[in-house]
Amino acid sequence: MARPDLTRAATLGEAWLMMRTAFRSEGLETADLDARLLTANLAGVEPHQLVTAGDTPLAEDVRNRLNQALHDRIEGMPVHRILGSREFYGLSLGLSPATLEPRPDTETLIDAVLPLVRERVAAKGSCSIADLGIGTGAIGLALLATCPEARCLGVDVSAEAVEAALKNADALGLGDRYEAVQGDWLSDLDVQFDLIVSNPPYIPTSDLASLSREVTEYDPVLALDGGADGLDAYRAIASQAGHRLEAGGYLALEIGIGQRHSVAALAVAHGFAEVGTFRDLGGVERVLLFKWEGMTNVARQDF
């Protein structure tokens, strides 16, 4: 069967409808949305203009971009990978092969900790944050964009992810309050924070093969694989976080489906008190919040 293309499309509206038809024929679950997002973004117009200005003649360079996007999407590449960016908490974040594509579920973590960040700012004039496993920098950058008095240090094992996060920080005008370093969770740090946040890899290794093609072929395995039981990252973070938090500081963790009790037990065993559970828009327990009230033997250094 001939590969679909947009050769016969003379206008922007025709290209959009042809792309939508092709995606429907391929059985894409979000065919209509994908076609609208790709056509509008790659043509540089607002989505509503696909209707109101659909008779706009299709320029050759736009046709070429749309054709490539059509083929890439049919081959399984996610829409936002094709576009090279994704919106998260109102921010446009550039993607790279080394970064997980930020999902709306993770915005639950931002909502959970924003009151704590503001509370710290009100009490001391600032809030120091560590973001572990940063990827695009989504979590830390969203918090900084919302709270001008906050600062964030991001840590990721991937040098490419660190580079991507720093690039996003600069593009958003947040580079003066955002730093990022390559490291193994908190093991290489000797500073203390008011808040530690993380969306670590939490998928059991044996479950990776069952994930969708869009995930397995385009999201980095390092950001997905949580070890045999999905809890390897939580063990490392729970064992290290208390020594890197101020007394009364907080730890917030995104978790996978059904992991609440296991992750909470790990944190509590290392001196944390569980103080909140937050559900995402689908009703899934998505974020756990813990408070640290212990003392640390680490010499105090401010970030």
Protein backbone atom coordinates (compact mmCIF):
# COMPACT_ATOMS: atom_id res chain seq x y z
CA MET A 1 0.00 0.00 0.00
CA ALA A 2 1.29 3.47 -0.92
CA ARG A 3 2.59 5.56 1.93
CA PRO A 4 0.24 8.52 2.61
CA ASP A 5 1.52 11.97 1.78
CA LEU A 6 0.27 15.52 1.30
CA THR A 7 1.32 16.03 -2.31
CA ARG A 8 -2.22 16.82 -3.43
CA ALA A 9 -2.93 19.27 -0.61
CA ALA A 10 -3.23 22.80 -2.03
CA THR A 11 -4.29 24.60 1.16
CA LEU A 12 -3.57 24.44 4.85
CA GLY A 13 -7.06 23.12 5.56
CA GLU A 14 -6.69 20.34 3.02
CA ALA A 15 -3.34 19.28 4.52
CA TRP A 16 -4.90 19.16 7.99
CA LEU A 17 -7.84 17.04 6.86
CA MET A 18 -5.62 14.69 4.85
CA MET A 19 -3.32 14.21 7.84
CA ARG A 20 -6.31 13.52 10.08
CA THR A 21 -7.66 10.95 7.62
CA ALA A 22 -4.29 9.22 7.41
CA PHE A 23 -4.00 9.02 11.19
CA ARG A 24 -7.52 7.64 11.50
CA SER A 25 -6.71 5.00 8.88
CA GLU A 26 -3.69 3.97 10.93
CA GLY A 27 -5.89 3.58 14.00
CA LEU A 28 -4.14 6.20 16.09
CA GLU A 29 -6.09 6.68 19.31
CA THR A 30 -5.68 10.46 19.26
CA ALA A 31 -5.76 10.90 15.48
CA ASP A 32 -7.78 14.12 15.41
CA LEU A 33 -5.83 15.84 18.18
CA ASP A 34 -2.48 14.76 16.73
CA ALA A 35 -3.36 16.11 13.28
CA ARG A 36 -4.53 19.43 14.72
CA LEU A 37 -1.46 19.93 16.92
CA LEU A 38 1.04 18.98 14.24
CA THR A 39 -0.55 20.99 11.45
CA ALA A 40 -1.04 24.14 13.52
CA ASN A 41 2.38 24.10 15.15
CA LEU A 42 4.38 23.26 12.05
CA ALA A 43 2.48 25.81 9.97
CA GLY A 44 2.91 28.47 12.67
CA VAL A 45 -0.79 29.18 13.17
CA GLU A 46 -3.28 28.91 16.00
CA PRO A 47 -5.39 25.73 15.94
CA HIS A 48 -8.61 27.65 15.24
CA GLN A 49 -7.03 29.06 12.08
CA LEU A 50 -7.11 25.61 10.52
CA VAL A 51 -10.82 26.35 10.10
CA THR A 52 -10.96 30.12 9.81
CA ALA A 53 -7.96 30.35 7.48
CA GLY A 54 -8.07 26.87 6.02
CA ASP A 55 -8.01 28.18 2.45
CA THR A 56 -4.52 29.64 2.93
CA PRO A 57 -2.27 28.33 0.12
CA LEU A 58 0.12 25.66 1.38
CA ALA A 59 3.73 26.79 1.05
CA GLU A 60 6.19 24.16 -0.13
CA ASP A 61 8.37 24.34 3.00
CA VAL A 62 5.30 23.87 5.20
CA ARG A 63 4.16 20.92 3.07
CA ASN A 64 7.59 19.31 3.49
CA ARG A 65 7.51 19.74 7.28
CA LEU A 66 3.99 18.34 7.48
CA ASN A 67 4.87 15.39 5.26
CA GLN A 68 7.82 14.50 7.47
CA ALA A 69 5.63 14.81 10.56
CA LEU A 70 2.97 12.62 8.96
CA HIS A 71 5.49 9.87 8.29
CA ASP A 72 7.17 10.17 11.70
CA ARG A 73 3.85 9.96 13.54
CA ILE A 74 2.74 6.90 11.58
CA GLU A 75 6.09 5.30 12.47
CA GLY A 76 5.29 5.80 16.15
CA MET A 77 7.10 9.00 17.06
CA PRO A 78 5.08 10.94 19.69
CA VAL A 79 3.64 14.28 18.64
CA HIS A 80 5.75 16.35 21.01
CA ARG A 81 8.93 14.54 20.01
CA ILE A 82 8.16 15.59 16.45
CA LEU A 83 7.59 19.17 17.57
CA GLY A 84 10.68 19.12 19.77
CA SER A 85 8.96 20.61 22.81
CA ARG A 86 6.13 20.10 25.23
CA GLU A 87 4.18 22.40 27.52
CA PHE A 88 4.37 21.71 31.24
CA TYR A 89 2.68 23.88 33.85
CA GLY A 90 2.45 26.68 31.32
CA LEU A 91 6.11 26.45 30.26
CA SER A 92 7.38 25.36 26.85
CA LEU A 93 10.18 22.86 27.42
CA GLY A 94 12.57 21.63 24.75
CA LEU A 95 12.97 17.86 24.51
CA SER A 96 16.02 15.77 23.69
CA PRO A 97 16.57 12.00 23.29
CA ALA A 98 18.05 11.99 26.80
CA THR A 99 14.97 13.47 28.49
CA LEU A 100 11.67 11.96 29.48
CA GLU A 101 8.73 13.75 27.92
CA PRO A 102 7.05 15.53 30.87
CA ARG A 103 3.49 14.33 31.45
CA PRO A 104 0.48 16.14 32.91
CA ASP A 105 0.45 13.69 35.84
CA THR A 106 3.66 15.26 37.11
CA GLU A 107 1.93 18.63 37.44
CA THR A 108 0.31 17.06 40.52
CA LEU A 109 3.70 17.32 42.23
CA ILE A 110 3.90 21.04 41.50
CA ASP A 111 0.45 21.62 42.98
CA ALA A 112 1.39 19.58 46.04
CA VAL A 113 4.54 21.50 46.95
CA LEU A 114 3.78 25.07 45.88
CA PRO A 115 2.14 25.92 49.24
CA LEU A 116 5.27 24.66 51.01
CA VAL A 117 7.56 26.73 48.83
CA ARG A 118 5.48 29.83 49.50
CA GLU A 119 5.44 29.01 53.22
CA ARG A 120 9.25 28.86 53.29
CA VAL A 121 9.54 32.09 51.33
CA ALA A 122 7.19 33.84 53.75
CA ALA A 123 9.19 32.56 56.74
CA LYS A 124 12.75 33.14 55.55
CA GLY A 125 12.57 35.10 52.30
CA SER A 126 13.76 32.25 50.11
CA CYS A 127 13.37 28.53 49.40
CA SER A 128 16.13 26.18 48.27
CA ILE A 129 15.03 23.19 46.17
CA ALA A 130 16.79 20.07 44.91
CA ASP A 131 15.23 18.33 41.92
CA LEU A 132 16.51 14.77 41.37
CA GLY A 133 16.39 13.09 37.97
CA ILE A 134 15.60 16.33 36.18
CA GLY A 135 15.22 15.38 32.53
CA THR A 136 13.99 18.59 30.88
CA GLY A 137 14.11 20.40 34.23
CA ALA A 138 10.31 20.51 34.25
CA ILE A 139 9.66 20.28 37.98
CA GLY A 140 12.29 22.70 39.19
CA LEU A 141 11.67 25.22 36.44
CA ALA A 142 7.91 25.21 37.04
CA LEU A 143 8.49 25.96 40.71
CA LEU A 144 10.94 28.77 39.95
CA ALA A 145 8.60 30.30 37.39
CA THR A 146 5.85 30.41 40.00
CA CYS A 147 8.00 31.51 42.96
CA PRO A 148 10.59 34.20 42.13
CA GLU A 149 12.25 33.86 45.54
CA ALA A 150 13.09 30.18 45.06
CA ARG A 151 16.31 28.63 43.78
CA CYS A 152 16.80 25.12 42.42
CA LEU A 153 19.68 22.72 41.94
CA GLY A 154 18.92 19.91 39.52
CA VAL A 155 20.75 16.57 39.49
CA ASP A 156 20.73 13.93 36.78
CA VAL A 157 22.95 10.97 35.96
CA SER A 158 22.80 11.96 32.29
CA ALA A 159 25.08 14.76 31.13
CA GLU A 160 22.82 15.23 28.10
CA ALA A 161 19.80 15.74 30.36
CA VAL A 162 21.70 18.30 32.43
CA GLU A 163 22.54 20.17 29.23
CA ALA A 164 18.89 20.09 28.11
CA ALA A 165 17.63 21.37 31.46
CA LEU A 166 20.13 24.23 31.53
CA LYS A 167 19.15 25.16 27.99
CA ASN A 168 15.48 25.25 29.01
CA ALA A 169 16.30 27.36 32.07
CA ASP A 170 18.11 29.93 29.93
CA ALA A 171 15.33 29.97 27.32
CA LEU A 172 12.78 30.67 30.04
CA GLY A 173 14.86 33.41 31.68
CA LEU A 174 15.38 31.33 34.83
CA GLY A 175 19.07 30.57 34.45
CA ASP A 176 20.11 32.94 37.23
CA ARG A 177 18.21 30.86 39.80
CA TYR A 178 18.66 27.40 38.31
CA GLU A 179 21.74 25.20 38.39
CA ALA A 180 22.12 21.60 37.22
CA VAL A 181 24.90 19.06 37.72
CA GLN A 182 25.58 15.48 36.75
CA GLY A 183 25.40 13.14 39.73
CA ASP A 184 24.04 10.04 41.43
CA TRP A 185 20.98 11.35 43.26
CA LEU A 186 22.24 13.22 46.36
CA SER A 187 25.43 11.28 46.96
CA ASP A 188 27.76 13.94 45.54
CA LEU A 189 26.17 16.92 47.32
CA ASP A 190 27.13 18.47 50.63
CA VAL A 191 24.50 21.21 50.81
CA GLN A 192 21.12 21.32 52.50
CA PHE A 193 17.73 22.24 51.08
CA ASP A 194 14.28 23.26 52.22
CA LEU A 195 12.65 20.90 49.72
CA ILE A 196 13.70 17.86 47.70
CA VAL A 197 11.51 16.78 44.78
CA SER A 198 11.78 13.93 42.32
CA ASN A 199 9.97 12.04 39.62
CA PRO A 200 12.36 9.06 39.56
CA PRO A 201 12.22 5.95 37.34
CA TYR A 202 9.65 3.63 38.93
CA ILE A 203 8.66 1.02 36.36
CA PRO A 204 9.76 -2.55 37.22
CA THR A 205 12.25 -3.82 34.68
CA SER A 206 10.04 -6.73 33.66
CA ASP A 207 7.19 -4.31 32.80
CA LEU A 208 9.17 -2.19 30.36
CA ALA A 209 8.47 -4.47 27.40
CA SER A 210 4.72 -4.02 27.88
CA LEU A 211 4.85 -0.25 27.52
CA SER A 212 3.65 1.44 24.36
CA ARG A 213 5.96 1.84 21.40
CA GLU A 214 5.86 5.61 21.89
CA VAL A 215 7.46 5.15 25.30
CA THR A 216 9.91 2.29 24.71
CA GLU A 217 11.34 3.72 21.49
CA TYR A 218 11.49 7.41 22.40
CA ASP A 219 11.77 7.86 26.18
CA PRO A 220 15.21 7.07 27.68
CA VAL A 221 15.37 3.78 29.54
CA LEU A 222 17.33 5.44 32.35
CA ALA A 223 14.27 7.57 33.12
CA LEU A 224 11.92 4.57 33.17
CA ASP A 225 13.64 1.53 34.66
CA GLY A 226 13.15 1.39 38.42
CA GLY A 227 14.85 -1.97 38.92
CA ALA A 228 13.36 -5.38 39.66
CA ASP A 229 10.54 -4.06 41.85
CA GLY A 230 10.49 -0.45 40.62
CA LEU A 231 11.82 0.89 43.92
CA ASP A 232 15.58 1.22 43.40
CA ALA A 233 15.51 5.01 43.06
CA TYR A 234 13.27 5.43 46.10
CA ARG A 235 15.69 3.39 48.21
CA ALA A 236 18.57 5.65 47.23
CA ILE A 237 16.64 8.87 47.72
CA ALA A 238 15.12 7.84 51.05
CA SER A 239 18.52 6.86 52.44
CA GLN A 240 20.18 10.13 51.38
CA ALA A 241 17.51 12.82 51.61
CA GLY A 242 17.42 13.29 55.38
CA HIS A 243 21.08 14.30 55.40
CA ARG A 244 20.43 16.95 52.76
CA LEU A 245 17.35 18.59 54.29
CA GLU A 246 16.98 21.34 56.81
CA ALA A 247 15.14 20.35 59.97
CA GLY A 248 11.47 20.49 59.06
CA GLY A 249 12.26 20.23 55.36
CA TYR A 250 10.12 18.27 52.91
CA LEU A 251 10.55 15.45 50.42
CA ALA A 252 8.02 15.06 47.60
CA LEU A 253 8.04 12.02 45.31
CA GLU A 254 6.02 11.07 42.28
CA ILE A 255 5.07 7.38 42.38
CA GLY A 256 3.63 4.75 40.08
CA ILE A 257 0.28 3.02 40.38
CA GLY A 258 0.08 0.90 43.55
CA GLN A 259 3.42 2.05 44.99
CA ARG A 260 2.18 4.23 47.81
CA HIS A 261 2.65 1.83 50.72
CA SER A 262 6.04 0.52 49.56
CA VAL A 263 7.50 3.98 48.99
CA ALA A 264 6.04 5.35 52.22
CA ALA A 265 7.54 2.46 54.17
CA LEU A 266 10.99 3.20 52.75
CA ALA A 267 10.78 6.88 53.65
CA VAL A 268 9.42 6.28 57.14
CA ALA A 269 12.18 3.74 57.81
CA HIS A 270 14.71 6.50 57.16
CA GLY A 271 13.18 9.02 59.56
CA PHE A 272 10.49 10.74 57.50
CA ALA A 273 6.88 11.32 58.48
CA GLU A 274 4.27 10.94 55.75
CA VAL A 275 2.17 14.09 55.65
CA GLY A 276 0.20 13.92 52.42
CA THR A 277 -0.93 11.90 49.41
CA PHE A 278 -2.04 13.64 46.23
CA ARG A 279 -4.04 12.16 43.37
CA ASP A 280 -3.69 13.08 39.71
CA LEU A 281 -6.63 14.06 37.49
CA GLY A 282 -7.33 10.38 36.86
CA GLY A 283 -7.74 9.73 40.58
CA VAL A 284 -4.46 7.79 40.88
CA GLU A 285 -2.31 8.27 43.98
CA ARG A 286 0.54 10.09 42.26
CA VAL A 287 2.57 12.10 44.79
CA LEU A 288 3.69 11.42 48.35
CA LEU A 289 4.83 14.21 50.66
CA PHE A 290 7.10 13.61 53.66
CA LYS A 291 8.52 15.84 56.38
CA TRP A 292 11.98 15.54 57.90
CA GLU A 293 12.34 16.45 61.55
CA GLY A 294 15.68 14.86 62.32
CA MET A 295 19.11 16.40 62.74
CA THR A 296 21.98 16.05 60.30
CA ASN A 297 25.68 15.57 60.86
CA VAL A 298 26.47 17.30 57.57
CA ALA A 299 28.13 20.68 57.97
CA ARG A 300 25.70 23.43 56.98
CA GLN A 301 26.24 24.98 53.55
CA ASP A 302 23.56 27.04 51.90
CA PHE A 303 22.59 26.59 48.28
